[in-house]
Amino acid sequence: NDVWKFSNNGVQENIKVKGRWRSNNANAVLDACERGLGIGYMPKSTFSASVEAGKLQPILQPYWGDGASSWIVYQNKRFMPLRVRMAIDYLVQYFADWEDKAL
């Protein structure tokens, strides 16, 4: 995502960013950050183990907003097998009250 969301005195601000490389794969972003190749914008739960291990340092904490987005992507609702619909319903229910753990 090229728009990062921050909270500034309770007001959400959307900041457009650009760089030479980006990825929508959290593991790839995490690995790149651990190798010192840049900064990443991702849920705290994604990088908390790396912070605890001393591999990463969180930045801009006073501006972190609440919540995170996760997506379920699928091809076509019209021809979706029942088992896929059931899996999606289960995941939505399971993560409905998910709170990103604080560091």
Protein backbone atom coordinates (compact mmCIF):
# COMPACT_ATOMS: atom_id res chain seq x y z
CA ASN A 1 0.00 0.00 0.00
CA ASP A 2 1.41 3.40 -0.88
CA VAL A 3 -0.76 5.23 1.67
CA TRP A 4 0.18 4.87 5.32
CA LYS A 5 -2.33 5.86 7.99
CA PHE A 6 -1.24 7.62 11.17
CA SER A 7 -3.05 9.24 14.06
CA ASN A 8 -2.03 12.79 14.99
CA ASN A 9 -3.77 14.10 18.12
CA GLY A 10 -6.76 11.87 17.42
CA VAL A 11 -6.99 12.87 13.76
CA GLN A 12 -6.23 10.23 11.15
CA GLU A 13 -3.75 11.32 8.52
CA ASN A 14 -3.07 9.47 5.28
CA ILE A 15 0.51 9.86 4.07
CA LYS A 16 1.42 8.85 0.52
CA VAL A 17 4.82 7.18 0.40
CA LYS A 18 7.05 6.01 -2.39
CA GLY A 19 10.19 3.98 -2.64
CA ARG A 20 12.21 1.76 -4.92
CA TRP A 21 10.65 -1.46 -3.68
CA ARG A 22 7.40 -2.54 -2.08
CA SER A 23 5.63 -5.79 -1.42
CA ASN A 24 2.28 -7.00 -0.16
CA ASN A 25 3.96 -10.03 1.42
CA ALA A 26 4.49 -9.43 5.15
CA ASN A 27 7.30 -12.00 5.36
CA ALA A 28 9.19 -10.33 2.52
CA VAL A 29 8.79 -6.88 4.08
CA LEU A 30 9.86 -8.19 7.48
CA ASP A 31 12.94 -9.86 6.00
CA ALA A 32 13.88 -6.70 4.09
CA CYS A 33 13.57 -4.60 7.26
CA GLU A 34 15.66 -7.06 9.27
CA ARG A 35 18.36 -6.81 6.59
CA GLY A 36 18.40 -3.03 6.94
CA LEU A 37 16.88 -2.34 3.53
CA GLY A 38 14.25 0.14 4.69
CA ILE A 39 11.19 0.58 6.85
CA GLY A 40 7.92 -1.28 6.86
CA TYR A 41 4.32 -0.44 7.63
CA MET A 42 2.52 -3.45 9.05
CA PRO A 43 0.49 -4.64 12.03
CA LYS A 44 2.39 -4.85 15.32
CA SER A 45 1.71 -8.56 15.57
CA THR A 46 3.72 -9.08 12.38
CA PHE A 47 6.95 -7.62 13.72
CA SER A 48 6.68 -8.01 17.51
CA ALA A 49 8.94 -11.11 17.62
CA SER A 50 11.64 -9.26 15.64
CA VAL A 51 11.44 -6.29 18.02
CA GLU A 52 11.65 -8.56 21.07
CA ALA A 53 14.70 -10.28 19.51
CA GLY A 54 16.38 -6.91 18.96
CA LYS A 55 16.33 -7.23 15.17
CA LEU A 56 13.99 -4.26 14.58
CA GLN A 57 13.26 -0.93 16.23
CA PRO A 58 9.73 0.52 16.05
CA ILE A 59 9.51 4.13 14.89
CA LEU A 60 6.82 6.82 14.93
CA GLN A 61 5.01 5.11 17.82
CA PRO A 62 3.29 8.33 18.98
CA TYR A 63 1.50 8.41 15.61
CA TRP A 64 0.42 4.78 15.37
CA GLY A 65 -3.28 4.38 14.78
CA ASP A 66 -5.53 1.67 16.13
CA GLY A 67 -6.54 -1.44 14.26
CA ALA A 68 -5.31 -3.10 11.14
CA SER A 69 -6.79 -4.42 7.95
CA SER A 70 -6.79 -7.97 6.71
CA TRP A 71 -8.29 -9.12 3.48
CA ILE A 72 -9.75 -12.34 2.17
CA VAL A 73 -9.47 -12.38 -1.59
CA TYR A 74 -11.35 -14.81 -3.78
CA GLN A 75 -12.29 -15.04 -7.43
CA ASN A 76 -16.06 -15.16 -7.82
CA LYS A 77 -18.81 -15.34 -5.21
CA ARG A 78 -21.32 -16.78 -7.63
CA PHE A 79 -19.50 -20.11 -8.11
CA MET A 80 -17.88 -20.37 -4.67
CA PRO A 81 -17.83 -23.90 -3.25
CA LEU A 82 -19.63 -24.27 0.07
CA ARG A 83 -16.39 -25.32 1.84
CA VAL A 84 -14.77 -22.02 0.79
CA ARG A 85 -17.75 -20.01 2.01
CA MET A 86 -17.64 -21.90 5.31
CA ALA A 87 -13.90 -21.27 5.69
CA ILE A 88 -14.39 -17.54 5.04
CA ASP A 89 -17.27 -17.36 7.52
CA TYR A 90 -15.16 -19.15 10.14
CA LEU A 91 -12.18 -16.81 9.66
CA VAL A 92 -14.34 -13.69 9.78
CA GLN A 93 -15.95 -14.89 13.01
CA TYR A 94 -12.64 -16.03 14.55
CA PHE A 95 -10.92 -12.69 13.94
CA ALA A 96 -13.94 -10.46 14.63
CA ASP A 97 -12.62 -9.39 18.03
CA TRP A 98 -8.93 -9.63 17.18
CA GLU A 99 -6.86 -6.88 18.70
CA ASP A 100 -3.33 -6.30 17.54
CA LYS A 101 -1.16 -6.91 20.57
CA ALA A 102 0.77 -3.94 21.85
CA LEU A 103 4.54 -4.04 22.19
